[in-house]
N, C-alpha and C. Protein backbone atom coordinates (compact mmCIF):
# COMPACT_ATOMS: atom_id res chain seq x y z
N MET A 1 68.62 33.42 -27.51
CA MET A 1 69.79 33.36 -26.95
C MET A 1 69.87 32.18 -26.24
N SER A 2 71.04 31.55 -26.83
CA SER A 2 71.46 30.14 -26.53
C SER A 2 72.49 30.08 -26.27
N GLU A 3 73.01 28.99 -25.15
CA GLU A 3 74.42 29.12 -24.73
C GLU A 3 75.17 27.73 -24.69
N HIS A 4 76.47 27.65 -25.12
CA HIS A 4 76.83 26.66 -24.89
C HIS A 4 78.07 26.39 -24.20
N ILE A 5 78.25 25.26 -23.54
CA ILE A 5 79.36 24.83 -22.32
C ILE A 5 80.24 23.53 -23.24
N HIS A 6 80.87 24.19 -23.29
CA HIS A 6 82.14 23.02 -24.05
C HIS A 6 83.26 22.40 -23.12
N ARG A 7 83.40 21.20 -23.26
CA ARG A 7 84.15 20.42 -22.46
C ARG A 7 85.88 20.26 -23.16
N GLN A 8 86.67 20.61 -22.92
CA GLN A 8 88.15 20.17 -23.47
C GLN A 8 88.82 19.11 -22.87
N ARG A 9 88.77 18.16 -23.70
CA ARG A 9 90.26 16.98 -23.67
C ARG A 9 91.58 17.39 -23.52
N HIS A 10 92.06 16.94 -22.54
CA HIS A 10 93.50 17.24 -22.28
C HIS A 10 94.10 15.33 -22.49
N THR A 11 95.22 15.68 -22.96
CA THR A 11 95.70 14.19 -23.42
C THR A 11 97.07 13.95 -21.78
N GLY A 12 96.25 12.76 -21.28
CA GLY A 12 97.63 12.42 -20.01
C GLY A 12 99.05 12.07 -20.04
N ASP A 13 99.54 11.45 -19.91
CA ASP A 13 100.94 10.77 -19.70
C ASP A 13 100.73 9.76 -20.71
N GLN A 14 99.83 8.92 -21.10
CA GLN A 14 99.78 8.03 -21.67
C GLN A 14 99.06 8.13 -23.18
N GLY A 15 98.63 9.29 -23.18
CA GLY A 15 98.32 10.11 -24.60
C GLY A 15 96.80 9.42 -24.80
N GLU A 16 95.91 9.63 -23.82
CA GLU A 16 94.53 8.93 -23.74
C GLU A 16 93.82 10.32 -23.45
N PRO A 17 92.98 10.56 -24.14
CA PRO A 17 92.15 11.86 -23.78
C PRO A 17 91.17 11.53 -22.26
N SER A 18 91.33 12.68 -21.73
CA SER A 18 90.53 12.30 -20.26
C SER A 18 89.83 13.68 -20.28
N ASP A 19 88.59 13.64 -19.65
CA ASP A 19 87.64 14.92 -19.69
C ASP A 19 88.52 15.53 -18.33
N ALA A 20 88.34 16.68 -18.80
CA ALA A 20 89.03 17.94 -17.22
C ALA A 20 87.64 17.93 -16.54
N PRO A 21 87.84 18.35 -15.36
CA PRO A 21 86.52 18.53 -14.64
C PRO A 21 86.31 19.84 -15.08
N LEU A 22 84.73 20.47 -14.91
CA LEU A 22 84.61 21.82 -15.22
C LEU A 22 84.52 22.63 -14.17
N ASP A 23 84.97 24.00 -14.21
CA ASP A 23 85.34 25.00 -13.49
C ASP A 23 83.30 25.26 -13.38
N ALA A 24 82.84 25.72 -11.94
CA ALA A 24 81.58 25.55 -11.60
C ALA A 24 80.97 26.91 -11.98
N ALA A 25 82.15 27.95 -12.70
CA ALA A 25 81.73 29.28 -12.80
C ALA A 25 81.27 28.91 -14.25
N GLN A 26 81.93 28.13 -15.25
CA GLN A 26 81.98 27.41 -16.68
C GLN A 26 80.24 27.22 -17.05
N VAL A 27 79.55 26.30 -15.68
CA VAL A 27 78.46 25.70 -15.79
C VAL A 27 77.38 26.37 -15.70
N GLN A 28 77.68 27.41 -14.89
CA GLN A 28 76.21 28.47 -14.44
C GLN A 28 75.76 29.03 -15.50
N ILE A 29 73.94 28.58 -15.97
CA ILE A 29 73.73 29.36 -17.21
C ILE A 29 72.33 30.00 -16.37
N ASN A 30 71.98 31.14 -17.24
CA ASN A 30 70.84 32.07 -16.70
C ASN A 30 69.73 31.11 -17.42
N THR A 31 68.78 31.11 -16.36
CA THR A 31 67.73 30.55 -17.03
C THR A 31 66.37 31.65 -16.60
N GLN A 32 66.53 32.60 -16.03
CA GLN A 32 65.97 33.84 -15.76
C GLN A 32 64.70 34.02 -16.54
N GLY A 33 65.09 34.28 -18.15
CA GLY A 33 64.44 34.67 -18.95
C GLY A 33 63.56 33.72 -19.30
N THR A 34 64.08 32.11 -19.10
CA THR A 34 62.74 31.01 -19.49
C THR A 34 62.06 30.90 -18.30
N ASP A 35 62.37 31.21 -17.06
CA ASP A 35 61.41 30.95 -16.12
C ASP A 35 60.18 32.12 -16.19
N ASP A 36 60.66 33.30 -16.50
CA ASP A 36 59.74 34.51 -16.48
C ASP A 36 58.70 34.12 -17.69
N LEU A 37 59.13 33.34 -18.85
CA LEU A 37 58.40 33.25 -19.72
C LEU A 37 57.18 32.19 -19.29
N LEU A 38 57.76 31.09 -18.66
CA LEU A 38 56.74 30.12 -18.37
C LEU A 38 55.91 30.53 -17.05
N ASP A 39 56.35 31.59 -16.38
CA ASP A 39 55.33 32.02 -15.11
C ASP A 39 54.15 32.84 -16.35
N GLU A 40 54.62 33.55 -16.91
CA GLU A 40 53.39 34.23 -17.80
C GLU A 40 52.68 33.38 -18.56
N ILE A 41 53.16 32.21 -18.83
CA ILE A 41 52.33 31.65 -19.69
C ILE A 41 51.28 30.89 -18.76
N ASP A 42 52.11 30.45 -17.04
CA ASP A 42 50.92 29.81 -16.77
C ASP A 42 49.62 31.00 -15.89
N ASP A 43 50.24 32.02 -15.79
CA ASP A 43 49.16 33.16 -15.22
C ASP A 43 48.14 33.50 -16.50
N LEU A 44 48.31 33.20 -17.78
CA LEU A 44 47.60 33.11 -18.89
C LEU A 44 46.72 32.16 -18.60
N LEU A 45 47.07 30.80 -18.38
CA LEU A 45 46.54 29.97 -18.88
C LEU A 45 45.12 29.52 -17.37
N GLU A 46 45.82 30.28 -16.28
CA GLU A 46 45.03 30.24 -15.18
C GLU A 46 43.84 31.20 -15.29
N ASP A 47 43.92 32.34 -15.95
CA ASP A 47 42.69 33.00 -16.16
C ASP A 47 42.19 32.70 -17.80
N ASN A 48 42.62 32.39 -18.81
CA ASN A 48 41.81 31.80 -20.00
C ASN A 48 42.49 30.68 -20.55
N ALA A 49 42.17 29.72 -20.00
CA ALA A 49 42.53 28.16 -20.12
C ALA A 49 41.71 28.13 -21.65
N GLU A 50 40.48 28.10 -21.35
CA GLU A 50 39.64 27.56 -22.28
C GLU A 50 39.82 28.62 -23.93
N GLU A 51 40.02 29.60 -23.74
CA GLU A 51 40.05 30.57 -25.03
C GLU A 51 41.57 30.36 -25.19
N PHE A 52 42.63 29.97 -24.94
CA PHE A 52 43.64 29.58 -25.27
C PHE A 52 43.56 28.43 -25.67
N VAL A 53 42.85 27.49 -25.08
CA VAL A 53 43.27 25.81 -26.16
C VAL A 53 42.33 26.04 -27.50
N ASN A 54 41.13 26.87 -27.20
CA ASN A 54 40.06 27.00 -28.55
C ASN A 54 40.87 28.01 -29.53
N SER A 55 41.82 28.67 -29.45
CA SER A 55 42.47 29.21 -30.16
C SER A 55 43.51 28.46 -31.34
N TYR A 56 43.78 27.21 -31.02
CA TYR A 56 44.54 26.34 -31.39
C TYR A 56 43.93 25.37 -32.01
N VAL A 57 42.57 25.13 -32.05
CA VAL A 57 41.74 23.97 -32.54
C VAL A 57 41.35 24.24 -33.98
N GLN A 58 41.66 23.14 -34.63
CA GLN A 58 41.31 23.33 -36.17
C GLN A 58 40.30 23.64 -37.00
N LYS A 59 39.86 24.31 -37.39
CA LYS A 59 38.83 24.66 -38.24
C LYS A 59 38.63 24.34 -39.25
N GLY A 60 37.49 23.53 -39.86
CA GLY A 60 37.54 23.02 -41.51
C GLY A 60 38.54 22.82 -42.52
N GLY A 61 39.50 21.81 -41.47
CA GLY A 61 40.57 21.56 -41.98
C GLY A 61 42.25 21.87 -42.46
N GLN A 62 42.39 23.30 -41.50
CA GLN A 62 42.93 23.93 -41.25
C GLN A 62 44.33 23.52 -40.89
């Protein structure tokens, strides 16, 4: 799930592009899912950090 924020360029009286200010509603991004995932990882590492790290150790040149 990815969200994109687009800026629109408007031409002024002089024909030069200028950045229009973004509406506050356009900038709002939902990060709750990411925060929940990071909290779950933190909880896992608090309980089983050594086991978690050992599962990523290379064995026999893998």
